[in-house]
Protein backbone atom coordinates (compact mmCIF):
# COMPACT_ATOMS: atom_id res chain seq x y z
CA MET A 1 -34.24 -14.51 -25.30
CA GLU A 2 -33.72 -14.65 -29.03
CA LEU A 3 -32.29 -17.89 -30.40
CA ARG A 4 -31.96 -19.47 -33.81
CA THR A 5 -31.18 -22.98 -34.93
CA ILE A 6 -28.22 -23.02 -37.30
CA SER A 7 -27.86 -26.79 -37.73
CA ARG A 8 -29.76 -29.99 -36.89
CA GLY A 9 -29.21 -33.61 -37.69
CA ALA A 10 -29.41 -37.25 -36.67
CA TYR A 11 -25.75 -38.22 -36.73
CA ALA A 12 -23.54 -36.07 -34.53
CA ALA A 13 -19.84 -36.91 -34.60
CA ALA A 14 -19.87 -37.00 -30.78
CA ARG A 15 -21.37 -40.26 -29.51
CA SER A 16 -22.22 -39.43 -25.92
CA GLN A 17 -24.56 -41.72 -24.00
CA ALA A 18 -26.37 -38.94 -22.13
CA PRO A 19 -27.67 -35.57 -23.35
CA GLN A 20 -25.20 -32.72 -23.05
CA ALA A 21 -24.87 -29.04 -23.90
CA VAL A 22 -21.56 -27.45 -24.88
CA ALA A 23 -21.12 -23.68 -25.26
CA ALA A 24 -18.86 -21.89 -27.72
CA PRO A 25 -18.59 -18.19 -26.77
CA ASP A 26 -16.11 -17.28 -29.53
CA ASP A 27 -15.21 -18.18 -33.10
CA ALA A 28 -12.03 -20.10 -32.21
CA THR A 29 -13.89 -22.38 -29.79
CA TYR A 30 -16.76 -22.80 -32.26
CA ARG A 31 -14.46 -23.85 -35.10
CA ARG A 32 -12.51 -26.20 -32.79
CA LEU A 33 -15.66 -27.91 -31.47
CA TRP A 34 -17.60 -28.18 -34.75
CA PRO A 35 -15.67 -31.14 -36.28
CA THR A 36 -15.50 -32.97 -32.94
CA LEU A 37 -19.18 -32.57 -32.02
CA VAL A 38 -21.03 -32.24 -35.35
CA GLY A 39 -18.67 -33.57 -37.99
CA GLY A 40 -17.52 -32.31 -41.38
CA GLY A 41 -18.58 -29.35 -43.40
CA GLU A 42 -18.18 -25.65 -42.89
CA PRO A 43 -19.81 -24.27 -39.73
CA PRO A 44 -22.57 -21.69 -40.42
CA ALA A 45 -21.68 -18.03 -39.92
CA VAL A 46 -22.20 -16.56 -36.44
CA ASP A 47 -21.85 -12.96 -35.22
CA PHE A 48 -19.82 -13.53 -32.06
CA ALA A 49 -19.96 -9.82 -31.22
CA THR A 50 -23.56 -10.37 -30.04
CA GLU A 51 -24.17 -14.16 -30.16
CA SER A 52 -22.91 -17.34 -28.54
CA VAL A 53 -23.29 -20.91 -29.83
CA VAL A 54 -24.62 -23.91 -27.93
CA PHE A 55 -24.30 -27.49 -29.18
CA LEU A 56 -27.16 -29.70 -27.93
CA LEU A 57 -26.32 -33.40 -28.18
CA ALA A 58 -29.16 -35.80 -27.38
CA GLY A 59 -26.94 -38.85 -26.86
CA ALA A 60 -27.19 -42.28 -28.47
CA LYS A 61 -30.62 -43.43 -29.65
CA PRO A 62 -31.48 -46.96 -30.87
CA THR A 63 -33.29 -45.92 -34.09
CA GLY A 64 -33.89 -43.06 -36.46
CA GLY A 65 -36.74 -40.61 -36.00
CA TRP A 66 -35.30 -38.78 -32.99
CA SER A 67 -34.65 -35.01 -32.95
CA VAL A 68 -33.66 -32.09 -30.73
CA VAL A 69 -36.20 -29.26 -30.80
CA PRO A 70 -34.96 -25.96 -29.28
CA ARG A 71 -37.76 -23.91 -27.68
CA GLY A 72 -36.10 -21.13 -25.69
CA ALA A 73 -33.27 -19.97 -23.46
CA ALA A 74 -32.81 -17.68 -20.47
CA VAL A 75 -29.92 -16.52 -18.32
CA GLU A 76 -30.22 -17.33 -14.61
CA GLY A 77 -27.36 -15.73 -12.71
CA SER A 78 -24.30 -16.72 -14.74
CA THR A 79 -25.89 -19.82 -16.27
CA LEU A 80 -27.58 -20.06 -19.65
CA VAL A 81 -30.55 -22.41 -19.25
CA VAL A 82 -31.66 -23.96 -22.55
CA ASP A 83 -35.16 -25.32 -23.06
CA ALA A 84 -35.10 -27.97 -25.79
CA ALA A 85 -37.00 -31.22 -26.14
CA ILE A 86 -35.69 -34.56 -27.33
CA GLN A 87 -38.51 -35.93 -29.45
CA GLY A 88 -38.79 -39.59 -30.32
CA PRO A 89 -40.58 -41.11 -33.28
CA PRO A 90 -44.32 -41.82 -33.03
CA PRO A 91 -45.08 -45.38 -31.83
CA ASP A 92 -46.30 -46.46 -35.28
CA ALA A 93 -43.50 -44.80 -37.27
CA ILE A 94 -41.30 -46.74 -39.65
CA VAL A 95 -37.76 -45.72 -38.72
CA THR A 96 -34.20 -46.52 -39.65
CA GLN A 97 -32.87 -49.46 -37.65
CA ALA A 98 -29.55 -47.85 -36.86
CA PHE A 99 -28.03 -46.10 -33.89
CA THR A 100 -28.36 -42.33 -34.21
CA SER A 101 -27.12 -39.34 -32.23
CA PRO A 102 -29.45 -36.38 -32.84
CA TYR A 103 -28.22 -32.85 -32.29
CA ALA A 104 -29.07 -29.19 -32.73
CA VAL A 105 -26.73 -26.22 -32.84
CA ILE A 106 -28.24 -22.91 -31.76
CA THR A 107 -27.15 -19.33 -31.34
CA VAL A 108 -28.37 -17.17 -28.46
CA LYS A 109 -28.31 -13.36 -28.43
CA THR A 110 -26.23 -13.04 -25.27
CA LYS A 111 -22.68 -13.17 -24.03
CA ALA A 112 -23.71 -12.85 -20.34
CA PHE A 113 -23.09 -16.40 -19.08
CA THR A 114 -20.22 -18.64 -18.02
CA ASP A 115 -22.02 -22.00 -17.79
CA VAL A 116 -24.75 -23.73 -19.78
CA ARG A 117 -27.41 -26.12 -18.52
CA TRP A 118 -29.87 -28.18 -20.52
CA GLN A 119 -32.44 -30.41 -18.92
CA PRO A 120 -34.33 -32.09 -21.74
């Protein structure tokens, strides 16, 4: 299934402890969730006639250098299953000594799901 990453970062506004995926099937939900999950700024444009948005939040990490890397998505029954890795920094990397909360926001070319599941 076609997907595209529309935003990525290390400091999500949401500070969950565990990884989570949150779907936004329409513009109103997307614009309501953006400041709560990602933070400030204008959300990127999305064609909700054919696309849906999924926020992938990796949860709290003890240092910088972490990222969410989307790889694919598929619909199984009524569930959108997202394949995305949470990548940590290499063992010898020099990283920021600060708590981070990496995230990625993706669009998927489908409207045919009611739930979303992400198992990083």
